Amino acid sequence: MKTCEINPWSWQDGFGFAHARKVSDATRFLTLSGQCSTDASGAPQHPGDMGAQMALAVANLGEVLTQAGMTFANVQGIRIYTTDMDATLQNWESLIGPFAAAGHRPASTLVGTTRLFSPDLLVEIEATACA
């Protein structure tokens, strides 16, 4: 598989994402449902704590990737849904950290919303990956 970033501008560099990722020669594709701050039973965790919720959502994303035989380096795009844009941006490093550690910048979209599936949840992360 070959991938490359497409970045007509550079402002995204400080946020750790790419405007687009071009993929060729991939043989496996994975579409991940939105991952939240939930435990193994699906119960919301860390009510009111955006930093802890983002960290657990990213950890859950990592677990799904591992189960699929992939890593954060395989993620080509993420979509982040948040009920608190300012808190999300203040905790951005906990989201993008594992990608940066892998030397990888996925395409990214950040969307504000009024509510997620549980009123205790503040952030949800969807992803697409390929290998």
N, C-alpha and C. Protein backbone atom coordinates (compact mmCIF):
# COMPACT_ATOMS: atom_id res chain seq x y z
N MET A 1 0.84 -1.18 0.00
CA MET A 1 0.00 0.00 0.00
C MET A 1 0.89 1.24 0.00
N LYS A 2 0.48 2.23 -0.76
CA LYS A 2 1.18 3.51 -0.80
C LYS A 2 0.21 4.60 -0.40
N THR A 3 0.68 5.54 0.42
CA THR A 3 -0.14 6.69 0.78
C THR A 3 0.70 7.95 0.67
N CYS A 4 0.03 9.05 0.43
CA CYS A 4 0.72 10.34 0.46
C CYS A 4 -0.27 11.42 0.88
N GLU A 5 0.28 12.41 1.55
CA GLU A 5 -0.52 13.56 1.98
C GLU A 5 -0.71 14.52 0.82
N ILE A 6 -1.85 15.17 0.81
CA ILE A 6 -2.10 16.26 -0.13
C ILE A 6 -2.47 17.48 0.70
N ASN A 7 -1.61 18.48 0.67
CA ASN A 7 -1.77 19.69 1.47
C ASN A 7 -1.49 20.93 0.62
N PRO A 8 -2.53 21.55 0.06
CA PRO A 8 -2.31 22.77 -0.70
C PRO A 8 -1.87 23.95 0.17
N TRP A 9 -2.10 23.85 1.48
CA TRP A 9 -1.76 24.92 2.42
C TRP A 9 -0.96 24.32 3.56
N SER A 10 -0.53 25.14 4.50
CA SER A 10 0.27 24.62 5.61
C SER A 10 -0.34 24.89 6.98
N TRP A 11 -1.48 25.59 7.05
CA TRP A 11 -2.03 25.95 8.37
C TRP A 11 -2.38 24.73 9.20
N GLN A 12 -2.64 23.59 8.56
CA GLN A 12 -3.03 22.38 9.27
C GLN A 12 -1.86 21.76 10.04
N ASP A 13 -0.65 22.14 9.73
CA ASP A 13 0.51 21.53 10.37
C ASP A 13 0.46 21.60 11.88
N GLY A 14 0.03 22.71 12.43
CA GLY A 14 -0.06 22.87 13.88
C GLY A 14 -1.12 22.01 14.53
N PHE A 15 -2.05 21.49 13.72
CA PHE A 15 -3.11 20.63 14.25
C PHE A 15 -2.84 19.15 14.03
N GLY A 16 -1.80 18.83 13.28
CA GLY A 16 -1.40 17.44 13.09
C GLY A 16 -2.29 16.61 12.17
N PHE A 17 -2.89 17.24 11.17
CA PHE A 17 -3.67 16.48 10.22
C PHE A 17 -3.29 16.89 8.81
N ALA A 18 -3.76 16.12 7.83
CA ALA A 18 -3.55 16.42 6.42
C ALA A 18 -4.89 16.82 5.80
N HIS A 19 -4.86 17.63 4.76
CA HIS A 19 -6.11 17.98 4.09
C HIS A 19 -6.68 16.77 3.34
N ALA A 20 -5.81 15.92 2.85
CA ALA A 20 -6.25 14.69 2.18
C ALA A 20 -5.14 13.67 2.25
N ARG A 21 -5.51 12.41 2.10
CA ARG A 21 -4.55 11.32 1.97
C ARG A 21 -4.93 10.52 0.74
N LYS A 22 -3.99 10.34 -0.14
CA LYS A 22 -4.19 9.54 -1.35
C LYS A 22 -3.66 8.13 -1.07
N VAL A 23 -4.49 7.12 -1.34
CA VAL A 23 -4.12 5.73 -1.07
C VAL A 23 -4.16 4.95 -2.38
N SER A 24 -3.14 4.14 -2.61
CA SER A 24 -3.14 3.24 -3.77
C SER A 24 -2.60 1.88 -3.32
N ASP A 25 -3.03 0.86 -4.01
CA ASP A 25 -2.58 -0.52 -3.76
C ASP A 25 -2.99 -1.06 -2.40
N ALA A 26 -4.06 -0.56 -1.80
CA ALA A 26 -4.55 -1.11 -0.54
C ALA A 26 -5.36 -2.36 -0.82
N THR A 27 -5.30 -3.33 0.08
CA THR A 27 -6.07 -4.56 -0.09
C THR A 27 -7.11 -4.76 1.01
N ARG A 28 -6.95 -4.05 2.12
CA ARG A 28 -7.91 -4.16 3.23
C ARG A 28 -8.40 -2.77 3.61
N PHE A 29 -9.71 -2.63 3.78
CA PHE A 29 -10.32 -1.37 4.19
C PHE A 29 -11.12 -1.61 5.46
N LEU A 30 -11.07 -0.65 6.37
CA LEU A 30 -11.78 -0.76 7.64
C LEU A 30 -12.53 0.54 7.88
N THR A 31 -13.82 0.44 8.15
CA THR A 31 -14.63 1.58 8.52
C THR A 31 -14.97 1.42 9.99
N LEU A 32 -14.52 2.36 10.82
CA LEU A 32 -14.74 2.26 12.26
C LEU A 32 -15.94 3.11 12.67
N SER A 33 -16.82 2.52 13.44
CA SER A 33 -17.91 3.28 14.05
C SER A 33 -17.32 4.31 15.00
N GLY A 34 -18.13 5.30 15.34
CA GLY A 34 -17.67 6.31 16.28
C GLY A 34 -17.28 5.69 17.61
N GLN A 35 -16.09 6.02 18.06
CA GLN A 35 -15.59 5.53 19.35
C GLN A 35 -15.72 6.65 20.38
N CYS A 36 -16.23 6.29 21.54
CA CYS A 36 -16.48 7.27 22.61
C CYS A 36 -15.76 6.84 23.87
N SER A 37 -15.98 7.59 24.91
CA SER A 37 -15.46 7.28 26.23
C SER A 37 -16.41 6.31 26.91
N THR A 38 -16.34 5.04 26.48
CA THR A 38 -17.18 4.00 27.06
C THR A 38 -16.32 2.83 27.49
N ASP A 39 -16.83 2.08 28.49
CA ASP A 39 -16.12 0.87 28.90
C ASP A 39 -16.56 -0.30 28.02
N ALA A 40 -16.10 -1.50 28.35
CA ALA A 40 -16.39 -2.67 27.52
C ALA A 40 -17.88 -2.99 27.44
N SER A 41 -18.67 -2.52 28.39
CA SER A 41 -20.11 -2.77 28.35
C SER A 41 -20.86 -1.66 27.62
N GLY A 42 -20.15 -0.60 27.22
CA GLY A 42 -20.79 0.53 26.53
C GLY A 42 -21.23 1.63 27.46
N ALA A 43 -20.91 1.52 28.73
CA ALA A 43 -21.31 2.55 29.70
C ALA A 43 -20.39 3.76 29.59
N PRO A 44 -20.95 4.97 29.49
CA PRO A 44 -20.14 6.18 29.41
C PRO A 44 -19.23 6.34 30.64
N GLN A 45 -18.03 6.84 30.40
CA GLN A 45 -17.04 7.06 31.44
C GLN A 45 -16.63 8.53 31.47
N HIS A 46 -16.14 8.99 32.60
CA HIS A 46 -15.57 10.34 32.77
C HIS A 46 -16.53 11.48 32.43
N PRO A 47 -17.75 11.48 32.98
CA PRO A 47 -18.69 12.58 32.67
C PRO A 47 -18.07 13.94 32.99
N GLY A 48 -18.21 14.87 32.05
CA GLY A 48 -17.75 16.24 32.25
C GLY A 48 -16.26 16.47 32.07
N ASP A 49 -15.48 15.44 31.78
CA ASP A 49 -14.02 15.56 31.67
C ASP A 49 -13.59 15.30 30.22
N MET A 50 -13.50 16.36 29.42
CA MET A 50 -13.18 16.22 28.00
C MET A 50 -11.83 15.54 27.79
N GLY A 51 -10.82 15.91 28.56
CA GLY A 51 -9.50 15.30 28.38
C GLY A 51 -9.53 13.80 28.57
N ALA A 52 -10.16 13.35 29.64
CA ALA A 52 -10.26 11.92 29.92
C ALA A 52 -11.12 11.22 28.88
N GLN A 53 -12.20 11.89 28.44
CA GLN A 53 -13.06 11.28 27.43
C GLN A 53 -12.32 11.13 26.09
N MET A 54 -11.58 12.15 25.71
CA MET A 54 -10.83 12.05 24.45
C MET A 54 -9.79 10.95 24.53
N ALA A 55 -9.09 10.85 25.66
CA ALA A 55 -8.06 9.82 25.82
C ALA A 55 -8.67 8.43 25.72
N LEU A 56 -9.82 8.20 26.35
CA LEU A 56 -10.45 6.88 26.29
C LEU A 56 -11.02 6.60 24.91
N ALA A 57 -11.59 7.59 24.26
CA ALA A 57 -12.11 7.40 22.90
C ALA A 57 -10.97 7.00 21.95
N VAL A 58 -9.82 7.66 22.08
CA VAL A 58 -8.66 7.33 21.25
C VAL A 58 -8.15 5.93 21.59
N ALA A 59 -8.12 5.58 22.88
CA ALA A 59 -7.71 4.23 23.28
C ALA A 59 -8.66 3.18 22.70
N ASN A 60 -9.95 3.46 22.72
CA ASN A 60 -10.92 2.53 22.14
C ASN A 60 -10.72 2.41 20.63
N LEU A 61 -10.43 3.52 19.97
CA LEU A 61 -10.12 3.50 18.54
C LEU A 61 -8.91 2.60 18.30
N GLY A 62 -7.88 2.77 19.12
CA GLY A 62 -6.67 1.94 19.01
C GLY A 62 -6.96 0.47 19.20
N GLU A 63 -7.87 0.14 20.12
CA GLU A 63 -8.21 -1.27 20.36
C GLU A 63 -8.91 -1.88 19.15
N VAL A 64 -9.82 -1.14 18.53
CA VAL A 64 -10.50 -1.65 17.33
C VAL A 64 -9.47 -1.85 16.21
N LEU A 65 -8.57 -0.90 16.05
CA LEU A 65 -7.52 -1.03 15.03
C LEU A 65 -6.67 -2.28 15.29
N THR A 66 -6.28 -2.49 16.53
CA THR A 66 -5.47 -3.66 16.89
C THR A 66 -6.21 -4.95 16.56
N GLN A 67 -7.49 -5.00 16.91
CA GLN A 67 -8.29 -6.21 16.62
C GLN A 67 -8.38 -6.47 15.12
N ALA A 68 -8.28 -5.42 14.32
CA ALA A 68 -8.33 -5.55 12.86
C ALA A 68 -6.94 -5.74 12.25
N GLY A 69 -5.90 -5.83 13.09
CA GLY A 69 -4.54 -6.00 12.59
C GLY A 69 -3.96 -4.73 11.99
N MET A 70 -4.42 -3.57 12.50
CA MET A 70 -3.94 -2.29 12.00
C MET A 70 -3.46 -1.43 13.16
N THR A 71 -2.86 -0.27 12.81
CA THR A 71 -2.38 0.68 13.81
C THR A 71 -2.88 2.09 13.43
N PHE A 72 -2.52 3.06 14.24
CA PHE A 72 -2.88 4.44 13.92
C PHE A 72 -2.29 4.88 12.58
N ALA A 73 -1.19 4.27 12.17
CA ALA A 73 -0.58 4.61 10.88
C ALA A 73 -1.44 4.19 9.70
N ASN A 74 -2.39 3.28 9.91
CA ASN A 74 -3.29 2.85 8.84
C ASN A 74 -4.50 3.75 8.67
N VAL A 75 -4.74 4.63 9.63
CA VAL A 75 -5.93 5.49 9.59
C VAL A 75 -5.72 6.59 8.55
N GLN A 76 -6.63 6.65 7.60
CA GLN A 76 -6.53 7.65 6.54
C GLN A 76 -7.40 8.87 6.82
N GLY A 77 -8.47 8.70 7.57
CA GLY A 77 -9.35 9.82 7.87
C GLY A 77 -10.05 9.65 9.21
N ILE A 78 -10.24 10.77 9.92
CA ILE A 78 -11.00 10.77 11.16
C ILE A 78 -12.04 11.87 11.11
N ARG A 79 -13.15 11.61 11.77
CA ARG A 79 -14.20 12.61 11.95
C ARG A 79 -14.48 12.68 13.43
N ILE A 80 -14.36 13.88 13.99
CA ILE A 80 -14.54 14.08 15.42
C ILE A 80 -15.82 14.88 15.63
N TYR A 81 -16.72 14.34 16.42
CA TYR A 81 -17.97 15.02 16.76
C TYR A 81 -17.86 15.42 18.23
N THR A 82 -18.13 16.69 18.53
CA THR A 82 -17.98 17.17 19.89
C THR A 82 -19.14 18.06 20.31
N THR A 83 -19.46 18.01 21.58
CA THR A 83 -20.47 18.90 22.13
C THR A 83 -19.84 20.16 22.70
N ASP A 84 -18.50 20.22 22.70
CA ASP A 84 -17.78 21.39 23.25
C ASP A 84 -16.51 21.63 22.43
N MET A 85 -16.62 22.48 21.44
CA MET A 85 -15.50 22.74 20.51
C MET A 85 -14.27 23.27 21.26
N ASP A 86 -14.45 24.23 22.16
CA ASP A 86 -13.30 24.80 22.87
C ASP A 86 -12.56 23.75 23.69
N ALA A 87 -13.29 22.92 24.43
CA ALA A 87 -12.65 21.88 25.24
C ALA A 87 -11.95 20.85 24.36
N THR A 88 -12.53 20.55 23.21
CA THR A 88 -11.89 19.62 22.29
C THR A 88 -10.56 20.18 21.80
N LEU A 89 -10.56 21.43 21.38
CA LEU A 89 -9.32 22.03 20.89
C LEU A 89 -8.28 22.17 22.01
N GLN A 90 -8.71 22.41 23.23
CA GLN A 90 -7.78 22.49 24.36
C GLN A 90 -7.13 21.14 24.65
N ASN A 91 -7.80 20.07 24.31
CA ASN A 91 -7.29 18.71 24.55
C ASN A 91 -6.88 18.01 23.27
N TRP A 92 -6.65 18.75 22.21
CA TRP A 92 -6.37 18.20 20.89
C TRP A 92 -5.18 17.24 20.90
N GLU A 93 -4.18 17.53 21.69
CA GLU A 93 -2.97 16.69 21.71
C GLU A 93 -3.30 15.25 22.12
N SER A 94 -4.28 15.06 23.01
CA SER A 94 -4.62 13.69 23.41
C SER A 94 -5.26 12.92 22.26
N LEU A 95 -5.84 13.63 21.32
CA LEU A 95 -6.42 12.99 20.14
C LEU A 95 -5.34 12.69 19.11
N ILE A 96 -4.55 13.66 18.79
CA ILE A 96 -3.61 13.54 17.67
C ILE A 96 -2.28 12.89 18.08
N GLY A 97 -2.03 12.79 19.39
CA GLY A 97 -0.77 12.23 19.90
C GLY A 97 -0.39 10.87 19.33
N PRO A 98 -1.29 9.88 19.35
CA PRO A 98 -0.92 8.57 18.82
C PRO A 98 -0.60 8.59 17.31
N PHE A 99 -1.25 9.47 16.58
CA PHE A 99 -0.94 9.60 15.16
C PHE A 99 0.44 10.22 14.97
N ALA A 100 0.73 11.26 15.75
CA ALA A 100 2.04 11.91 15.68
C ALA A 100 3.15 10.93 16.05
N ALA A 101 2.90 10.10 17.08
CA ALA A 101 3.89 9.11 17.49
C ALA A 101 4.17 8.10 16.38
N ALA A 102 3.18 7.86 15.54
CA ALA A 102 3.34 6.95 14.40
C ALA A 102 3.89 7.67 13.17
N GLY A 103 4.14 8.99 13.29
CA GLY A 103 4.63 9.77 12.17
C GLY A 103 3.60 9.89 11.05
N HIS A 104 2.35 10.00 11.44
CA HIS A 104 1.24 9.93 10.49
C HIS A 104 0.23 11.04 10.75
N ARG A 105 -0.32 11.61 9.70
CA ARG A 105 -1.33 12.66 9.84
C ARG A 105 -2.54 12.30 8.98
N PRO A 106 -3.64 11.87 9.62
CA PRO A 106 -4.83 11.53 8.85
C PRO A 106 -5.56 12.79 8.37
N ALA A 107 -6.37 12.63 7.35
CA ALA A 107 -7.31 13.70 7.00
C ALA A 107 -8.30 13.80 8.16
N SER A 108 -8.81 15.01 8.41
CA SER A 108 -9.60 15.22 9.63
C SER A 108 -10.73 16.19 9.42
N THR A 109 -11.86 15.91 10.07
CA THR A 109 -12.99 16.83 10.11
C THR A 109 -13.45 16.94 11.55
N LEU A 110 -13.66 18.17 12.03
CA LEU A 110 -14.12 18.42 13.39
C LEU A 110 -15.50 19.08 13.31
N VAL A 111 -16.49 18.44 13.95
CA VAL A 111 -17.87 18.89 13.85
C VAL A 111 -18.45 19.11 15.24
N GLY A 112 -19.05 20.27 15.46
CA GLY A 112 -19.77 20.54 16.70
C GLY A 112 -21.19 20.02 16.59
N THR A 113 -21.68 19.42 17.66
CA THR A 113 -23.04 18.89 17.69
C THR A 113 -23.66 19.16 19.06
N THR A 114 -24.95 19.09 19.15
CA THR A 114 -25.62 19.39 20.43
C THR A 114 -25.62 18.23 21.40
N ARG A 115 -25.57 16.97 20.86
CA ARG A 115 -25.62 15.82 21.75
C ARG A 115 -25.15 14.58 21.02
N LEU A 116 -24.53 13.66 21.77
CA LEU A 116 -24.15 12.36 21.25
C LEU A 116 -25.13 11.32 21.81
N PHE A 117 -24.87 10.03 21.62
CA PHE A 117 -25.88 9.03 21.98
C PHE A 117 -26.20 8.99 23.46
N SER A 118 -25.31 9.46 24.31
CA SER A 118 -25.58 9.60 25.74
C SER A 118 -25.29 11.05 26.12
N PRO A 119 -26.12 11.65 26.97
CA PRO A 119 -25.86 13.04 27.36
C PRO A 119 -24.55 13.20 28.15
N ASP A 120 -23.99 12.10 28.67
CA ASP A 120 -22.72 12.17 29.40
C ASP A 120 -21.51 12.21 28.49
N LEU A 121 -21.70 11.91 27.20
CA LEU A 121 -20.57 11.86 26.27
C LEU A 121 -20.34 13.23 25.61
N LEU A 122 -19.07 13.60 25.50
CA LEU A 122 -18.69 14.90 24.96
C LEU A 122 -18.03 14.80 23.59
N VAL A 123 -17.51 13.64 23.24
CA VAL A 123 -16.74 13.51 21.99
C VAL A 123 -16.89 12.10 21.44
N GLU A 124 -16.89 12.00 20.10
CA GLU A 124 -16.98 10.72 19.40
C GLU A 124 -16.07 10.80 18.18
N ILE A 125 -15.32 9.72 17.92
CA ILE A 125 -14.33 9.72 16.83
C ILE A 125 -14.60 8.56 15.89
N GLU A 126 -14.88 8.87 14.64
CA GLU A 126 -15.03 7.88 13.56
C GLU A 126 -13.73 7.84 12.78
N ALA A 127 -13.48 6.72 12.11
CA ALA A 127 -12.26 6.63 11.31
C ALA A 127 -12.43 5.68 10.13
N THR A 128 -11.58 5.87 9.14
CA THR A 128 -11.41 4.92 8.06
C THR A 128 -9.92 4.57 7.99
N ALA A 129 -9.66 3.31 7.76
CA ALA A 129 -8.28 2.84 7.72
C ALA A 129 -8.13 1.86 6.56
N CYS A 130 -6.89 1.68 6.11
CA CYS A 130 -6.64 0.70 5.07
C CYS A 130 -5.22 0.18 5.19
N ALA A 131 -5.01 -0.97 4.60
CA ALA A 131 -3.69 -1.59 4.63
C ALA A 131 -3.45 -2.33 3.32
